[in-house]
């Protein structure tokens, strides 16, 4: 039976992802990738040969990791329509020993961003960044930092059908309580927009980017998720417990957590220098 990518099958796949309680961003990404495949096929038949050719086209234009993200979305769609025989293997990616220096936000740069927010009088943004960085939560989970949670010192965070408890350290609680008093927040989410709705990711992203010039930080490093990565690296440097860190971050696999804890090239070189002093004669 000849197969093709149809609008109905794409819509059905979207409904399937919604019922599976996938995150909104994940659903959007998966559907976009299937639609790009449909555009590539130009109404031609869907088969293994076409998928292999599409993989090569992607490999010519994107990094291996990006290609694999796209293929994972497409393979999920193929499974959904019962076309597992057309699924293609992901590209092999060699695990890096360290991350590029220009990819990860340092602790010093994070503090400059917080100081820049304070200097501009943006208490809310300053505390948003500190809350994400000190607890390791996702920016989408900020809504779970409620007045009730701050007073109790812990927040129940529900994401992707799972619930985990996030502890709020005493020093952060003190700052949040002061902000709540000043902003008149007595119940519900602490961080609200002008419309009194919980802050969304795009708003936090834009506000953080706007701080970069004043803070002297490369904008390419500045995303809400960069703060979560920084939390993970600092936690791991203090407590070498990958399993506990995975639990705190809500990761299903420690392999994901390992990516968060990778050292920068400069740190890796310092380690090699220490090793070389032992081994060289």
C-alpha atoms as a PDB file:
ATOM      1  CA  UNK A   1       0.000   0.000   0.000  1.00  0.00           C
ATOM      2  CA  UNK A   2       1.387   3.371  -1.053  1.00  0.00           C
ATOM      3  CA  UNK A   3       1.622   5.872   1.793  1.00  0.00           C
ATOM      4  CA  UNK A   4       1.820   9.652   1.902  1.00  0.00           C
ATOM      5  CA  UNK A   5       1.898  12.402   4.531  1.00  0.00           C
ATOM      6  CA  UNK A   6      -1.615  13.836   4.708  1.00  0.00           C
ATOM      7  CA  UNK A   7      -3.060  16.821   6.529  1.00  0.00           C
ATOM      8  CA  UNK A   8      -5.521  14.512   8.299  1.00  0.00           C
ATOM      9  CA  UNK A   9      -2.736  12.239   9.583  1.00  0.00           C
ATOM     10  CA  UNK A  10      -0.786  15.278  10.831  1.00  0.00           C
ATOM     11  CA  UNK A  11      -3.850  16.603  12.676  1.00  0.00           C
ATOM     12  CA  UNK A  12      -4.507  13.147  14.124  1.00  0.00           C
ATOM     13  CA  UNK A  13      -0.882  12.952  15.259  1.00  0.00           C
ATOM     14  CA  UNK A  14      -1.246  16.323  16.962  1.00  0.00           C
ATOM     15  CA  UNK A  15      -4.319  15.086  18.835  1.00  0.00           C
ATOM     16  CA  UNK A  16      -2.406  11.968  19.851  1.00  0.00           C
ATOM     17  CA  UNK A  17       0.435  14.100  21.284  1.00  0.00           C
ATOM     18  CA  UNK A  18      -2.090  16.252  23.149  1.00  0.00           C
ATOM     19  CA  UNK A  19      -3.732  13.184  24.681  1.00  0.00           C
ATOM     20  CA  UNK A  20      -0.274  11.885  25.629  1.00  0.00           C
ATOM     21  CA  UNK A  21       0.146  15.158  27.621  1.00  0.00           C
ATOM     22  CA  UNK A  22       3.235  16.235  25.736  1.00  0.00           C
ATOM     23  CA  UNK A  23       4.439  19.772  26.411  1.00  0.00           C
ATOM     24  CA  UNK A  24       3.067  22.471  24.097  1.00  0.00           C
ATOM     25  CA  UNK A  25       6.569  23.290  22.796  1.00  0.00           C
ATOM     26  CA  UNK A  26       7.218  19.602  22.064  1.00  0.00           C
ATOM     27  CA  UNK A  27       3.953  19.240  20.136  1.00  0.00           C
ATOM     28  CA  UNK A  28       4.686  22.346  18.081  1.00  0.00           C
ATOM     29  CA  UNK A  29       8.198  21.120  17.283  1.00  0.00           C
ATOM     30  CA  UNK A  30       7.057  17.620  16.281  1.00  0.00           C
ATOM     31  CA  UNK A  31       4.245  18.878  14.055  1.00  0.00           C
ATOM     32  CA  UNK A  32       6.551  21.425  12.397  1.00  0.00           C
ATOM     33  CA  UNK A  33       9.038  18.676  11.536  1.00  0.00           C
ATOM     34  CA  UNK A  34       6.367  16.458   9.993  1.00  0.00           C
ATOM     35  CA  UNK A  35       5.088  19.407   7.956  1.00  0.00           C
ATOM     36  CA  UNK A  36       8.623  20.112   6.698  1.00  0.00           C
ATOM     37  CA  UNK A  37       8.904  16.477   5.634  1.00  0.00           C
ATOM     38  CA  UNK A  38       5.600  16.835   3.785  1.00  0.00           C
ATOM     39  CA  UNK A  39       6.926  19.916   1.960  1.00  0.00           C
ATOM     40  CA  UNK A  40      10.087  18.024   1.018  1.00  0.00           C
ATOM     41  CA  UNK A  41       8.109  15.106  -0.412  1.00  0.00           C
ATOM     42  CA  UNK A  42       5.925  17.456  -2.518  1.00  0.00           C
ATOM     43  CA  UNK A  43       3.048  14.950  -2.557  1.00  0.00           C
ATOM     44  CA  UNK A  44       5.345  12.102  -3.610  1.00  0.00           C
ATOM     45  CA  UNK A  45       5.038   8.708  -1.966  1.00  0.00           C
ATOM     46  CA  UNK A  46       6.318   8.162   1.552  1.00  0.00           C
ATOM     47  CA  UNK A  47       8.842   5.296   1.629  1.00  0.00           C
ATOM     48  CA  UNK A  48      12.152   4.270   3.171  1.00  0.00           C
ATOM     49  CA  UNK A  49      14.192   5.547   0.223  1.00  0.00           C
ATOM     50  CA  UNK A  50      12.599   9.006   0.501  1.00  0.00           C
ATOM     51  CA  UNK A  51      13.302   9.088   4.244  1.00  0.00           C
ATOM     52  CA  UNK A  52      16.964   8.142   3.730  1.00  0.00           C
ATOM     53  CA  UNK A  53      17.330  10.899   1.146  1.00  0.00           C
ATOM     54  CA  UNK A  54      15.679  13.370   3.504  1.00  0.00           C
ATOM     55  CA  UNK A  55      18.102  12.403   6.281  1.00  0.00           C
ATOM     56  CA  UNK A  56      21.039  13.156   3.953  1.00  0.00           C
ATOM     57  CA  UNK A  57      19.513  16.517   3.061  1.00  0.00           C
ATOM     58  CA  UNK A  58      19.175  17.380   6.736  1.00  0.00           C
ATOM     59  CA  UNK A  59      22.758  16.250   7.443  1.00  0.00           C
ATOM     60  CA  UNK A  60      24.041  18.665   4.795  1.00  0.00           C
ATOM     61  CA  UNK A  61      22.361  21.622   6.449  1.00  0.00           C
ATOM     62  CA  UNK A  62      22.268  20.983  10.191  1.00  0.00           C
ATOM     63  CA  UNK A  63      24.417  19.637  13.018  1.00  0.00           C
ATOM     64  CA  UNK A  64      24.099  15.952  13.883  1.00  0.00           C
ATOM     65  CA  UNK A  65      22.256  16.702  17.125  1.00  0.00           C
ATOM     66  CA  UNK A  66      19.753  18.931  15.342  1.00  0.00           C
ATOM     67  CA  UNK A  67      19.235  16.315  12.651  1.00  0.00           C
ATOM     68  CA  UNK A  68      18.569  13.670  15.291  1.00  0.00           C
ATOM     69  CA  UNK A  69      16.003  15.891  17.012  1.00  0.00           C
ATOM     70  CA  UNK A  70      14.184  16.283  13.698  1.00  0.00           C
ATOM     71  CA  UNK A  71      14.364  12.572  12.904  1.00  0.00           C
ATOM     72  CA  UNK A  72      13.029  11.647  16.357  1.00  0.00           C
ATOM     73  CA  UNK A  73       9.926  13.734  15.661  1.00  0.00           C
ATOM     74  CA  UNK A  74       9.467  12.141  12.239  1.00  0.00           C
ATOM     75  CA  UNK A  75      10.024   8.614  13.555  1.00  0.00           C
ATOM     76  CA  UNK A  76       7.358   9.261  16.167  1.00  0.00           C
ATOM     77  CA  UNK A  77       4.932  10.213  13.415  1.00  0.00           C
ATOM     78  CA  UNK A  78       5.844   7.120  11.386  1.00  0.00           C
ATOM     79  CA  UNK A  79       5.137   4.900  14.383  1.00  0.00           C
ATOM     80  CA  UNK A  80       1.799   6.644  14.872  1.00  0.00           C
ATOM     81  CA  UNK A  81       0.647   5.947  11.289  1.00  0.00           C
ATOM     82  CA  UNK A  82       1.876   2.341  11.453  1.00  0.00           C
ATOM     83  CA  UNK A  83       4.850   2.823   9.149  1.00  0.00           C
ATOM     84  CA  UNK A  84       7.648   1.624  11.421  1.00  0.00           C
ATOM     85  CA  UNK A  85       9.364   0.004   8.453  1.00  0.00           C
ATOM     86  CA  UNK A  86      10.138   3.483   7.088  1.00  0.00           C
ATOM     87  CA  UNK A  87      11.859   4.744  10.235  1.00  0.00           C
ATOM     88  CA  UNK A  88      15.523   5.685   9.777  1.00  0.00           C
ATOM     89  CA  UNK A  89      18.392   5.417  12.237  1.00  0.00           C
ATOM     90  CA  UNK A  90      19.633   8.554  13.959  1.00  0.00           C
ATOM     91  CA  UNK A  91      23.084   9.857  13.142  1.00  0.00           C
ATOM     92  CA  UNK A  92      25.876   8.700  15.397  1.00  0.00           C
ATOM     93  CA  UNK A  93      27.110  11.511  17.608  1.00  0.00           C
ATOM     94  CA  UNK A  94      30.322  11.200  19.541  1.00  0.00           C
ATOM     95  CA  UNK A  95      29.918  12.476  23.082  1.00  0.00           C
ATOM     96  CA  UNK A  96      32.024  15.596  23.656  1.00  0.00           C
ATOM     97  CA  UNK A  97      34.440  15.688  26.564  1.00  0.00           C
ATOM     98  CA  UNK A  98      33.705  19.365  27.206  1.00  0.00           C
ATOM     99  CA  UNK A  99      31.477  22.203  26.060  1.00  0.00           C
ATOM    100  CA  UNK A 100      32.534  25.292  24.142  1.00  0.00           C
ATOM    101  CA  UNK A 101      33.369  28.305  26.309  1.00  0.00           C
ATOM    102  CA  UNK A 102      30.960  30.513  24.354  1.00  0.00           C
ATOM    103  CA  UNK A 103      27.966  28.226  24.891  1.00  0.00           C
ATOM    104  CA  UNK A 104      27.469  28.212  28.653  1.00  0.00           C
ATOM    105  CA  UNK A 105      26.716  31.029  31.075  1.00  0.00           C
ATOM    106  CA  UNK A 106      29.290  31.336  33.866  1.00  0.00           C
ATOM    107  CA  UNK A 107      28.489  32.119  37.498  1.00  0.00           C
ATOM    108  CA  UNK A 108      30.198  35.519  37.136  1.00  0.00           C
ATOM    109  CA  UNK A 109      28.107  36.373  34.070  1.00  0.00           C
ATOM    110  CA  UNK A 110      24.919  35.288  35.830  1.00  0.00           C
ATOM    111  CA  UNK A 111      25.707  37.610  38.739  1.00  0.00           C
ATOM    112  CA  UNK A 112      26.302  40.477  36.306  1.00  0.00           C
ATOM    113  CA  UNK A 113      22.863  39.859  34.785  1.00  0.00           C
ATOM    114  CA  UNK A 114      21.240  39.894  38.229  1.00  0.00           C
ATOM    115  CA  UNK A 115      23.121  43.076  39.157  1.00  0.00           C
ATOM    116  CA  UNK A 116      22.031  44.686  35.884  1.00  0.00           C
ATOM    117  CA  UNK A 117      18.397  43.838  36.614  1.00  0.00           C
ATOM    118  CA  UNK A 118      18.718  45.279  40.134  1.00  0.00           C
ATOM    119  CA  UNK A 119      20.399  48.430  38.828  1.00  0.00           C
ATOM    120  CA  UNK A 120      17.581  48.980  36.328  1.00  0.00           C
ATOM    121  CA  UNK A 121      14.984  48.611  39.101  1.00  0.00           C
ATOM    122  CA  UNK A 122      13.569  45.367  37.719  1.00  0.00           C
ATOM    123  CA  UNK A 123      13.140  43.447  40.975  1.00  0.00           C
ATOM    124  CA  UNK A 124      10.828  40.924  39.360  1.00  0.00           C
ATOM    125  CA  UNK A 125      13.321  39.881  36.660  1.00  0.00           C
ATOM    126  CA  UNK A 126      16.158  39.770  39.178  1.00  0.00           C
ATOM    127  CA  UNK A 127      14.214  37.371  41.379  1.00  0.00           C
ATOM    128  CA  UNK A 128      12.953  35.313  38.438  1.00  0.00           C
ATOM    129  CA  UNK A 129      16.558  34.647  37.389  1.00  0.00           C
ATOM    130  CA  UNK A 130      17.638  33.893  40.952  1.00  0.00           C
ATOM    131  CA  UNK A 131      14.680  31.571  41.513  1.00  0.00           C
ATOM    132  CA  UNK A 132      15.424  29.529  38.376  1.00  0.00           C
ATOM    133  CA  UNK A 133      19.150  29.438  39.085  1.00  0.00           C
ATOM    134  CA  UNK A 134      18.869  28.512  42.779  1.00  0.00           C
ATOM    135  CA  UNK A 135      16.168  25.848  42.377  1.00  0.00           C
ATOM    136  CA  UNK A 136      16.970  24.503  38.908  1.00  0.00           C
ATOM    137  CA  UNK A 137      13.347  24.673  37.730  1.00  0.00           C
ATOM    138  CA  UNK A 138      12.275  25.154  34.129  1.00  0.00           C
ATOM    139  CA  UNK A 139      11.031  28.619  33.219  1.00  0.00           C
ATOM    140  CA  UNK A 140       7.661  27.007  32.391  1.00  0.00           C
ATOM    141  CA  UNK A 141       7.503  25.838  36.008  1.00  0.00           C
ATOM    142  CA  UNK A 142       7.728  29.351  37.464  1.00  0.00           C
ATOM    143  CA  UNK A 143       3.932  29.388  37.861  1.00  0.00           C
ATOM    144  CA  UNK A 144       4.317  26.737  40.578  1.00  0.00           C
ATOM    145  CA  UNK A 145       6.308  29.202  42.710  1.00  0.00           C
ATOM    146  CA  UNK A 146       3.257  30.464  44.544  1.00  0.00           C
ATOM    147  CA  UNK A 147       2.827  32.593  47.643  1.00  0.00           C
ATOM    148  CA  UNK A 148       1.714  29.463  49.476  1.00  0.00           C
ATOM    149  CA  UNK A 149       4.797  27.535  48.319  1.00  0.00           C
ATOM    150  CA  UNK A 150       7.149  30.329  49.374  1.00  0.00           C
ATOM    151  CA  UNK A 151       5.646  30.461  52.852  1.00  0.00           C
ATOM    152  CA  UNK A 152       5.901  26.679  53.158  1.00  0.00           C
ATOM    153  CA  UNK A 153       9.408  26.529  51.698  1.00  0.00           C
ATOM    154  CA  UNK A 154       8.565  23.965  49.042  1.00  0.00           C
ATOM    155  CA  UNK A 155       6.681  23.817  45.756  1.00  0.00           C
ATOM    156  CA  UNK A 156       4.972  20.867  44.083  1.00  0.00           C
ATOM    157  CA  UNK A 157       5.932  21.065  40.408  1.00  0.00           C
ATOM    158  CA  UNK A 158       3.903  19.104  37.875  1.00  0.00           C
ATOM    159  CA  UNK A 159       5.359  18.701  34.396  1.00  0.00           C
ATOM    160  CA  UNK A 160       4.806  16.073  31.685  1.00  0.00           C
ATOM    161  CA  UNK A 161       2.491  14.099  33.928  1.00  0.00           C
ATOM    162  CA  UNK A 162       5.026  13.860  36.763  1.00  0.00           C
ATOM    163  CA  UNK A 163       5.123  15.709  40.074  1.00  0.00           C
ATOM    164  CA  UNK A 164       8.262  16.509  42.039  1.00  0.00           C
ATOM    165  CA  UNK A 165       8.870  18.646  45.111  1.00  0.00           C
ATOM    166  CA  UNK A 166      11.167  21.659  44.797  1.00  0.00           C
ATOM    167  CA  UNK A 167      12.681  22.998  48.015  1.00  0.00           C
ATOM    168  CA  UNK A 168      13.092  26.761  48.323  1.00  0.00           C
ATOM    169  CA  UNK A 169      16.279  27.639  50.263  1.00  0.00           C
ATOM    170  CA  UNK A 170      15.943  30.033  53.212  1.00  0.00           C
ATOM    171  CA  UNK A 171      17.881  32.901  51.620  1.00  0.00           C
ATOM    172  CA  UNK A 172      15.724  32.761  48.478  1.00  0.00           C
ATOM    173  CA  UNK A 173      12.544  32.510  50.553  1.00  0.00           C
ATOM    174  CA  UNK A 174      13.516  35.687  52.383  1.00  0.00           C
ATOM    175  CA  UNK A 175      13.983  37.545  49.098  1.00  0.00           C
ATOM    176  CA  UNK A 176      10.710  36.218  47.686  1.00  0.00           C
ATOM    177  CA  UNK A 177       8.751  37.129  50.825  1.00  0.00           C
ATOM    178  CA  UNK A 178      10.110  40.667  50.612  1.00  0.00           C
ATOM    179  CA  UNK A 179       9.120  40.893  46.955  1.00  0.00           C
ATOM    180  CA  UNK A 180       5.652  39.487  47.676  1.00  0.00           C
ATOM    181  CA  UNK A 181       5.071  42.117  50.368  1.00  0.00           C
ATOM    182  CA  UNK A 182       6.202  44.910  48.070  1.00  0.00           C
ATOM    183  CA  UNK A 183       4.157  43.643  45.091  1.00  0.00           C
ATOM    184  CA  UNK A 184       1.085  42.841  47.184  1.00  0.00           C
ATOM    185  CA  UNK A 185       1.111  39.143  46.278  1.00  0.00           C
ATOM    186  CA  UNK A 186      -0.705  37.099  48.918  1.00  0.00           C
ATOM    187  CA  UNK A 187      -1.875  34.049  46.970  1.00  0.00           C
ATOM    188  CA  UNK A 188      -1.207  32.237  43.693  1.00  0.00           C
ATOM    189  CA  UNK A 189       1.815  32.625  41.421  1.00  0.00           C
ATOM    190  CA  UNK A 190       4.405  35.082  42.670  1.00  0.00           C
ATOM    191  CA  UNK A 191       5.626  36.238  39.262  1.00  0.00           C
ATOM    192  CA  UNK A 192       2.813  37.850  37.305  1.00  0.00           C
ATOM    193  CA  UNK A 193       2.552  39.862  34.110  1.00  0.00           C
ATOM    194  CA  UNK A 194       0.806  43.220  33.876  1.00  0.00           C
ATOM    195  CA  UNK A 195      -2.370  41.273  33.093  1.00  0.00           C
ATOM    196  CA  UNK A 196      -1.990  39.348  36.369  1.00  0.00           C
ATOM    197  CA  UNK A 197      -1.269  36.074  34.555  1.00  0.00           C
ATOM    198  CA  UNK A 198       1.836  33.934  35.265  1.00  0.00           C
ATOM    199  CA  UNK A 199       4.912  35.066  33.349  1.00  0.00           C
ATOM    200  CA  UNK A 200       5.560  33.054  30.198  1.00  0.00           C
ATOM    201  CA  UNK A 201       8.863  31.898  28.727  1.00  0.00           C
ATOM    202  CA  UNK A 202       8.967  34.436  25.891  1.00  0.00           C
ATOM    203  CA  UNK A 203       8.586  37.379  28.283  1.00  0.00           C
ATOM    204  CA  UNK A 204      11.417  36.148  30.518  1.00  0.00           C
ATOM    205  CA  UNK A 205      13.557  35.452  27.446  1.00  0.00           C
ATOM    206  CA  UNK A 206      13.084  38.978  26.055  1.00  0.00           C
ATOM    207  CA  UNK A 207      13.746  40.659  29.407  1.00  0.00           C
ATOM    208  CA  UNK A 208      16.934  38.650  29.919  1.00  0.00           C
ATOM    209  CA  UNK A 209      18.207  39.473  26.423  1.00  0.00           C
ATOM    210  CA  UNK A 210      17.597  43.162  27.100  1.00  0.00           C
ATOM    211  CA  UNK A 211      20.056  43.003  30.033  1.00  0.00           C
ATOM    212  CA  UNK A 212      22.987  41.641  28.009  1.00  0.00           C
ATOM    213  CA  UNK A 213      24.536  44.905  26.845  1.00  0.00           C
ATOM    214  CA  UNK A 214      24.346  46.517  30.260  1.00  0.00           C
ATOM    215  CA  UNK A 215      25.728  43.374  31.931  1.00  0.00           C
ATOM    216  CA  UNK A 216      28.458  42.854  29.337  1.00  0.00           C
ATOM    217  CA  UNK A 217      27.342  39.290  28.593  1.00  0.00           C
ATOM    218  CA  UNK A 218      27.245  37.628  25.179  1.00  0.00           C
ATOM    219  CA  UNK A 219      23.533  37.383  24.212  1.00  0.00           C
ATOM    220  CA  UNK A 220      24.174  33.950  22.659  1.00  0.00           C
ATOM    221  CA  UNK A 221      24.646  32.581  26.183  1.00  0.00           C
ATOM    222  CA  UNK A 222      21.558  34.150  27.690  1.00  0.00           C
ATOM    223  CA  UNK A 223      18.396  32.051  27.829  1.00  0.00           C
ATOM    224  CA  UNK A 224      16.205  31.042  30.784  1.00  0.00           C
ATOM    225  CA  UNK A 225      17.445  27.472  30.290  1.00  0.00           C
ATOM    226  CA  UNK A 226      21.063  28.664  30.702  1.00  0.00           C
ATOM    227  CA  UNK A 227      20.245  29.338  34.360  1.00  0.00           C
ATOM    228  CA  UNK A 228      19.095  25.735  34.822  1.00  0.00           C
ATOM    229  CA  UNK A 229      22.333  24.496  33.273  1.00  0.00           C
ATOM    230  CA  UNK A 230      24.328  26.715  35.615  1.00  0.00           C
ATOM    231  CA  UNK A 231      22.442  25.329  38.622  1.00  0.00           C
ATOM    232  CA  UNK A 232      23.249  21.790  37.487  1.00  0.00           C
ATOM    233  CA  UNK A 233      26.967  22.482  37.022  1.00  0.00           C
ATOM    234  CA  UNK A 234      27.298  24.225  40.399  1.00  0.00           C
ATOM    235  CA  UNK A 235      25.312  21.495  42.187  1.00  0.00           C
ATOM    236  CA  UNK A 236      27.479  18.786  40.652  1.00  0.00           C
ATOM    237  CA  UNK A 237      30.691  20.621  41.530  1.00  0.00           C
ATOM    238  CA  UNK A 238      29.562  20.689  45.178  1.00  0.00           C
ATOM    239  CA  UNK A 239      27.835  17.301  45.376  1.00  0.00           C
ATOM    240  CA  UNK A 240      29.065  14.679  42.890  1.00  0.00           C
ATOM    241  CA  UNK A 241      25.741  12.884  42.855  1.00  0.00           C
ATOM    242  CA  UNK A 242      24.352  12.572  39.350  1.00  0.00           C
ATOM    243  CA  UNK A 243      21.301  10.546  40.400  1.00  0.00           C
ATOM    244  CA  UNK A 244      20.194  13.082  42.990  1.00  0.00           C
ATOM    245  CA  UNK A 245      20.701  15.892  40.493  1.00  0.00           C
ATOM    246  CA  UNK A 246      18.612  14.021  37.917  1.00  0.00           C
ATOM    247  CA  UNK A 247      15.801  13.749  40.486  1.00  0.00           C
ATOM    248  CA  UNK A 248      15.974  17.464  41.283  1.00  0.00           C
ATOM    249  CA  UNK A 249      15.877  18.418  37.603  1.00  0.00           C
ATOM    250  CA  UNK A 250      13.121  15.917  36.850  1.00  0.00           C
ATOM    251  CA  UNK A 251      15.157  14.025  34.262  1.00  0.00           C
ATOM    252  CA  UNK A 252      14.027  10.519  33.369  1.00  0.00           C
ATOM    253  CA  UNK A 253      17.575   9.581  32.347  1.00  0.00           C
ATOM    254  CA  UNK A 254      20.943  10.507  33.867  1.00  0.00           C
ATOM    255  CA  UNK A 255      22.295  10.694  30.316  1.00  0.00           C
ATOM    256  CA  UNK A 256      20.399  13.965  29.955  1.00  0.00           C
ATOM    257  CA  UNK A 257      21.793  15.169  33.272  1.00  0.00           C
ATOM    258  CA  UNK A 258      25.358  14.427  32.134  1.00  0.00           C
ATOM    259  CA  UNK A 259      24.954  16.967  29.327  1.00  0.00           C
ATOM    260  CA  UNK A 260      24.053  19.625  31.903  1.00  0.00           C
ATOM    261  CA  UNK A 261      27.155  18.937  34.007  1.00  0.00           C
ATOM    262  CA  UNK A 262      29.785  19.055  31.258  1.00  0.00           C
ATOM    263  CA  UNK A 263      32.771  21.267  31.973  1.00  0.00           C
ATOM    264  CA  UNK A 264      33.935  24.090  29.728  1.00  0.00           C
ATOM    265  CA  UNK A 265      37.042  23.729  27.577  1.00  0.00           C
ATOM    266  CA  UNK A 266      39.007  25.908  30.008  1.00  0.00           C
ATOM    267  CA  UNK A 267      38.091  23.685  32.960  1.00  0.00           C
ATOM    268  CA  UNK A 268      38.907  20.583  30.932  1.00  0.00           C
ATOM    269  CA  UNK A 269      42.332  21.995  30.052  1.00  0.00           C
ATOM    270  CA  UNK A 270      43.068  22.714  33.732  1.00  0.00           C
ATOM    271  CA  UNK A 271      42.282  19.079  34.500  1.00  0.00           C
ATOM    272  CA  UNK A 272      44.572  17.863  31.717  1.00  0.00           C
ATOM    273  CA  UNK A 273      47.348  20.151  32.950  1.00  0.00           C
ATOM    274  CA  UNK A 274      47.132  18.542  36.418  1.00  0.00           C
ATOM    275  CA  UNK A 275      47.206  15.072  34.863  1.00  0.00           C
ATOM    276  CA  UNK A 276      50.168  15.948  32.670  1.00  0.00           C
ATOM    277  CA  UNK A 277      52.197  17.150  35.663  1.00  0.00           C
ATOM    278  CA  UNK A 278      51.800  13.686  37.181  1.00  0.00           C
ATOM    279  CA  UNK A 279      52.584  11.720  34.022  1.00  0.00           C
ATOM    280  CA  UNK A 280      55.245  13.765  32.237  1.00  0.00           C
ATOM    281  CA  UNK A 281      58.877  13.149  33.216  1.00  0.00           C
END
